[in-house]
């Protein structure tokens, strides 16, 4: 799966996802952070699932109707837990994310909002 990691995601997540076979790009490696709208648009154009801690991406997708190729929001995971959580979410919800769903995961539960696109 093609993945774009928001700048707020721990750097260790990229290595863990790459080791699991995913094609990973990090916003932190870009010359500057262009803002959530541009990140979401670039990810959509590239067919990348955005992984973030930021709830603003969900607002852009749901409230404002911005197109996307899937979103994962990790909530309440410490930096050292993010890699395992991201790998597990992509493995378990690959089909839903391929259909541009929004997956919100916290240590106790995971919610999936199917795509309305």
Protein backbone atom coordinates (compact mmCIF):
# COMPACT_ATOMS: atom_id res chain seq x y z
CA UNK A 1 0.00 0.00 0.00
CA UNK A 2 1.18 3.54 -0.74
CA UNK A 3 1.39 5.63 2.41
CA UNK A 4 2.11 9.26 3.22
CA UNK A 5 3.11 9.94 6.83
CA UNK A 6 2.16 13.33 8.19
CA UNK A 7 4.98 15.27 9.86
CA UNK A 8 3.54 14.54 13.33
CA UNK A 9 4.11 10.77 12.98
CA UNK A 10 7.23 9.29 14.60
CA UNK A 11 10.09 8.55 12.21
CA UNK A 12 10.20 4.90 13.30
CA UNK A 13 6.82 4.33 11.62
CA UNK A 14 8.34 4.73 8.15
CA UNK A 15 10.87 1.95 8.69
CA UNK A 16 8.27 -0.40 10.18
CA UNK A 17 5.84 0.14 7.32
CA UNK A 18 8.58 -0.25 4.70
CA UNK A 19 9.67 -3.50 6.37
CA UNK A 20 6.05 -4.69 6.11
CA UNK A 21 6.15 -4.06 2.34
CA UNK A 22 4.49 -0.66 2.10
CA UNK A 23 5.64 2.21 -0.14
CA UNK A 24 6.23 5.01 2.36
CA UNK A 25 6.78 8.74 1.95
CA UNK A 26 7.21 11.21 4.83
CA UNK A 27 6.06 14.84 4.83
CA UNK A 28 8.95 15.44 7.26
CA UNK A 29 11.33 14.82 4.33
CA UNK A 30 9.72 17.56 2.21
CA UNK A 31 11.39 20.98 2.08
CA UNK A 32 8.55 22.44 4.17
CA UNK A 33 5.11 21.55 5.48
CA UNK A 34 2.65 22.94 2.90
CA UNK A 35 -0.41 22.51 5.14
CA UNK A 36 -3.07 19.86 5.49
CA UNK A 37 -5.07 20.71 2.36
CA UNK A 38 -2.01 20.42 0.11
CA UNK A 39 -0.85 17.23 1.86
CA UNK A 40 -4.27 15.64 1.39
CA UNK A 41 -4.44 16.67 -2.27
CA UNK A 42 -0.93 15.39 -3.04
CA UNK A 43 -1.67 12.09 -1.30
CA UNK A 44 -4.92 11.72 -3.24
CA UNK A 45 -3.16 12.37 -6.56
CA UNK A 46 -0.48 9.80 -5.68
CA UNK A 47 -2.98 7.22 -4.36
CA UNK A 48 -1.48 7.36 -0.87
CA UNK A 49 -3.20 6.69 2.43
CA UNK A 50 -2.41 9.50 4.88
CA UNK A 51 -1.40 8.45 8.39
CA UNK A 52 -1.65 11.24 10.95
CA UNK A 53 -2.38 12.18 14.54
CA UNK A 54 -4.27 15.25 13.35
CA UNK A 55 -8.09 15.30 13.30
CA UNK A 56 -8.08 18.14 10.75
CA UNK A 57 -7.67 15.67 7.86
CA UNK A 58 -10.95 14.02 8.78
CA UNK A 59 -12.65 17.41 8.80
CA UNK A 60 -11.24 18.21 5.37
CA UNK A 61 -12.50 14.88 4.02
CA UNK A 62 -15.87 14.63 5.77
CA UNK A 63 -17.04 18.20 6.35
CA UNK A 64 -15.43 19.92 3.37
CA UNK A 65 -15.62 16.98 0.97
CA UNK A 66 -11.97 16.94 -0.07
CA UNK A 67 -11.15 13.75 -2.00
CA UNK A 68 -8.65 11.34 -0.46
CA UNK A 69 -7.23 7.86 -0.95
CA UNK A 70 -7.83 6.77 2.65
CA UNK A 71 -6.96 8.19 6.05
CA UNK A 72 -5.63 6.66 9.24
CA UNK A 73 -5.70 8.69 12.44
CA UNK A 74 -3.76 7.31 15.39
CA UNK A 75 -5.10 8.60 18.69
CA UNK A 76 -3.48 8.13 22.08
CA UNK A 77 -0.48 6.11 20.94
CA UNK A 78 2.92 7.13 22.29
CA UNK A 79 5.66 7.65 19.71
CA UNK A 80 7.10 4.21 20.48
CA UNK A 81 3.72 2.56 19.89
CA UNK A 82 2.85 4.25 16.62
CA UNK A 83 4.81 1.88 14.36
CA UNK A 84 3.11 -1.29 15.61
CA UNK A 85 -0.28 0.43 15.54
CA UNK A 86 0.18 1.67 11.96
CA UNK A 87 1.33 -1.74 10.70
CA UNK A 88 -1.61 -3.45 12.41
CA UNK A 89 -4.18 -0.97 11.05
CA UNK A 90 -2.90 -1.24 7.48
CA UNK A 91 -2.91 -5.03 7.67
CA UNK A 92 -6.37 -5.37 9.19
CA UNK A 93 -8.12 -2.58 7.25
CA UNK A 94 -6.33 -2.78 3.89
CA UNK A 95 -9.55 -3.33 1.96
CA UNK A 96 -11.38 -0.50 3.66
CA UNK A 97 -8.46 1.89 3.12
CA UNK A 98 -8.19 0.86 -0.53
CA UNK A 99 -11.82 2.01 -0.80
CA UNK A 100 -10.89 5.42 0.71
CA UNK A 101 -12.31 4.83 4.19
CA UNK A 102 -11.25 6.76 7.26
CA UNK A 103 -9.86 4.60 10.06
CA UNK A 104 -9.47 6.05 13.55
CA UNK A 105 -7.48 3.84 15.90
CA UNK A 106 -6.80 4.24 19.58
CA UNK A 107 -5.36 1.67 21.99
CA UNK A 108 -8.83 0.42 22.99
CA UNK A 109 -10.81 0.43 19.74
CA UNK A 110 -10.84 1.17 16.03
CA UNK A 111 -13.57 2.94 14.10
CA UNK A 112 -14.03 2.80 10.34
CA UNK A 113 -15.95 5.41 8.40
CA UNK A 114 -16.66 4.07 4.91
CA UNK A 115 -15.96 6.31 1.97
CA UNK A 116 -18.70 8.61 0.74
CA UNK A 117 -16.75 9.53 -2.38
